[in-house]
Amino acid sequence: VLVRKNSVAVDYLIEVLEVAALETGKVGINIESIDDDLKMTGKAVLEGIFFDTDEATMKAESAATLDIVAQYLKTEAASKAFVVGHTDYDGSYDHNVDLSRRRAEAVVAALGERGIDTTRLMGVGVGPVAPKSSNLDEGGGAENRRVELVLRKSTN
């Protein structure tokens, strides 16, 4: 918008932001993003894997992400990876490490059901010790509850 103020032209930029509800249930990864993340950082967050609260039972809406991860692992048949479970810090440390391990192992089993040789994968639980955000609020805790694929050397 161009406005004249005291005979001087003044430019203004007006931005309008519209707030809309966030769509959920969408898969946030694809084969290319997994490959890019693994090449750049050695790990990829597996967006779209969901568990029942305080359980290692995966929700049905995790299937699309698991299918994509399985497709990636089939295209990279020589690769090996850790499947790493992370939790927030609700509950005891020991409980969270155990829960994150069981969740990681559930992902390994689900990938095995999709034709992946599970000897290439190792489920590991680290509980709350590698947070992405602060565990002091629910937003950070939610971001910390995740599963990652981490590259391993093919010799181990």
Protein backbone atom coordinates (compact mmCIF):
# COMPACT_ATOMS: atom_id res chain seq x y z
CA VAL A 1 0.00 0.00 0.00
CA LEU A 2 1.45 3.39 -1.01
CA VAL A 3 0.37 6.30 1.19
CA ARG A 4 1.33 9.97 1.02
CA LYS A 5 2.28 11.51 4.33
CA ASN A 6 3.33 15.18 4.37
CA SER A 7 3.87 15.02 0.60
CA VAL A 8 6.22 12.06 0.99
CA ALA A 9 5.30 8.66 -0.39
CA VAL A 10 5.46 6.00 2.31
CA ASP A 11 5.24 2.29 1.56
CA TYR A 12 3.47 -0.01 3.99
CA LEU A 13 3.36 -3.78 3.81
CA ILE A 14 0.29 -5.32 5.39
CA GLU A 15 0.27 -9.07 5.99
CA VAL A 16 -2.91 -10.85 6.94
CA LEU A 17 -2.58 -14.12 8.81
CA GLU A 18 -5.48 -16.51 8.91
CA VAL A 19 -5.63 -19.06 11.68
CA ALA A 20 -6.85 -22.53 10.75
CA ALA A 21 -6.99 -25.82 12.58
CA LEU A 22 -3.98 -28.06 12.03
CA GLU A 23 -4.78 -31.19 10.06
CA THR A 24 -3.81 -34.34 11.88
CA GLY A 25 -3.38 -37.90 10.71
CA LYS A 26 -1.11 -36.89 7.83
CA VAL A 27 2.14 -38.70 7.23
CA GLY A 28 4.98 -36.24 7.70
CA ILE A 29 7.72 -38.26 6.04
CA ASN A 30 8.57 -39.78 2.71
CA ILE A 31 11.41 -41.87 1.35
CA GLU A 32 13.33 -38.78 0.22
CA SER A 33 13.07 -37.05 3.60
CA ILE A 34 14.27 -40.16 5.42
CA ASP A 35 17.20 -40.48 3.01
CA ASP A 36 18.07 -36.77 3.27
CA ASP A 37 17.91 -36.75 7.08
CA LEU A 38 20.01 -39.91 7.39
CA LYS A 39 22.65 -38.55 5.01
CA MET A 40 22.77 -35.14 6.73
CA THR A 41 22.46 -36.05 10.41
CA GLY A 42 22.62 -39.84 10.64
CA LYS A 43 19.07 -40.00 12.01
CA ALA A 44 15.50 -39.46 10.90
CA VAL A 45 12.48 -38.81 13.10
CA LEU A 46 9.72 -41.19 12.07
CA GLU A 47 6.83 -38.71 12.12
CA GLY A 48 3.49 -40.45 12.23
CA ILE A 49 4.18 -43.33 14.60
CA PHE A 50 1.70 -43.17 17.46
CA PHE A 51 1.26 -45.26 20.60
CA ASP A 52 -1.47 -45.63 23.15
CA THR A 53 -0.68 -43.60 26.26
CA ASP A 54 1.92 -45.30 28.45
CA GLU A 55 1.82 -48.40 26.23
CA ALA A 56 3.96 -49.99 23.53
CA THR A 57 0.87 -50.70 21.43
CA MET A 58 0.99 -48.81 18.14
CA LYS A 59 -2.12 -47.07 16.92
CA ALA A 60 -3.58 -48.03 13.53
CA GLU A 61 -2.74 -44.61 12.07
CA SER A 62 0.95 -45.54 12.29
CA ALA A 63 0.58 -47.92 9.34
CA ALA A 64 1.24 -45.31 6.62
CA THR A 65 4.52 -44.24 8.21
CA LEU A 66 5.60 -47.84 8.78
CA ASP A 67 4.89 -48.60 5.11
CA ILE A 68 7.10 -45.69 4.02
CA VAL A 69 9.94 -46.71 6.37
CA ALA A 70 9.72 -50.28 5.06
CA GLN A 71 9.87 -49.02 1.47
CA TYR A 72 12.95 -46.97 2.32
CA LEU A 73 14.66 -49.94 3.99
CA LYS A 74 13.89 -52.11 0.95
CA THR A 75 15.57 -49.56 -1.35
CA GLU A 76 18.59 -49.45 0.99
CA ALA A 77 18.92 -53.20 1.46
CA ALA A 78 22.49 -53.05 2.76
CA SER A 79 21.77 -50.49 5.48
CA LYS A 80 21.45 -51.26 9.17
CA ALA A 81 19.82 -49.03 11.74
CA PHE A 82 18.94 -48.53 15.35
CA VAL A 83 15.25 -47.88 15.94
CA VAL A 84 15.39 -45.53 18.92
CA GLY A 85 12.43 -44.87 21.19
CA HIS A 86 12.21 -41.62 23.14
CA THR A 87 9.77 -40.54 25.87
CA ASP A 88 8.96 -37.47 27.88
CA TYR A 89 9.81 -37.45 31.60
CA ASP A 90 6.40 -38.26 33.06
CA GLY A 91 6.88 -41.18 35.44
CA SER A 92 10.10 -42.74 36.65
CA TYR A 93 13.31 -42.88 34.67
CA ASP A 94 13.39 -46.69 34.65
CA HIS A 95 9.78 -46.89 33.48
CA ASN A 96 10.45 -44.46 30.62
CA VAL A 97 13.58 -46.27 29.44
CA ASP A 98 11.68 -49.57 29.47
CA LEU A 99 8.66 -48.05 27.69
CA SER A 100 10.83 -46.45 25.01
CA ARG A 101 12.65 -49.77 24.44
CA ARG A 102 9.39 -51.69 24.10
CA ARG A 103 8.09 -49.08 21.67
CA ALA A 104 11.26 -49.29 19.57
CA GLU A 105 11.00 -53.08 19.54
CA ALA A 106 7.33 -52.81 18.47
CA VAL A 107 8.42 -50.71 15.48
CA VAL A 108 11.10 -53.29 14.59
CA ALA A 109 8.48 -56.06 14.75
CA ALA A 110 6.06 -54.07 12.59
CA LEU A 111 8.79 -53.51 9.99
CA GLY A 112 9.49 -57.26 10.08
CA GLU A 113 5.82 -57.85 9.27
CA ARG A 114 6.37 -55.62 6.22
CA GLY A 115 9.17 -57.82 4.87
CA ILE A 116 12.22 -56.18 6.46
CA ASP A 117 14.93 -58.49 7.81
CA THR A 118 14.87 -57.52 11.48
CA THR A 119 18.50 -58.58 11.98
CA ARG A 120 19.30 -55.27 10.23
CA LEU A 121 17.50 -53.37 13.00
CA MET A 122 18.09 -52.98 16.71
CA GLY A 123 15.42 -51.51 18.98
CA VAL A 124 16.86 -49.23 21.65
CA GLY A 125 15.10 -47.18 24.31
CA VAL A 126 16.67 -44.03 25.69
CA GLY A 127 13.65 -42.72 27.58
CA PRO A 128 13.88 -39.01 28.36
CA VAL A 129 17.67 -38.53 28.09
CA ALA A 130 17.80 -37.08 24.55
CA PRO A 131 15.00 -34.50 24.44
CA LYS A 132 14.33 -32.24 21.48
CA SER A 133 12.54 -29.74 23.73
CA SER A 134 12.00 -29.05 27.40
CA ASN A 135 9.97 -31.65 29.25
CA LEU A 136 8.63 -28.92 31.54
CA ASP A 137 5.52 -28.32 29.44
CA GLU A 138 3.17 -30.52 27.40
CA GLY A 139 4.30 -29.07 24.06
CA GLY A 140 7.90 -30.05 24.71
CA GLY A 141 6.90 -33.41 26.14
CA ALA A 142 4.86 -34.19 23.03
CA GLU A 143 7.82 -33.35 20.80
CA ASN A 144 10.06 -35.61 22.87
CA ARG A 145 7.79 -38.64 22.48
CA ARG A 146 9.13 -39.96 19.19
CA VAL A 147 10.84 -42.81 17.35
CA GLU A 148 13.97 -42.26 15.27
CA LEU A 149 15.86 -44.31 12.73
CA VAL A 150 19.62 -44.00 13.36
CA LEU A 151 22.20 -45.40 10.95
CA ARG A 152 24.56 -48.13 12.13
CA LYS A 153 27.76 -49.23 10.49
CA SER A 154 27.08 -52.33 8.42
CA THR A 155 29.80 -54.21 10.33
CA ASN A 156 27.95 -54.11 13.68
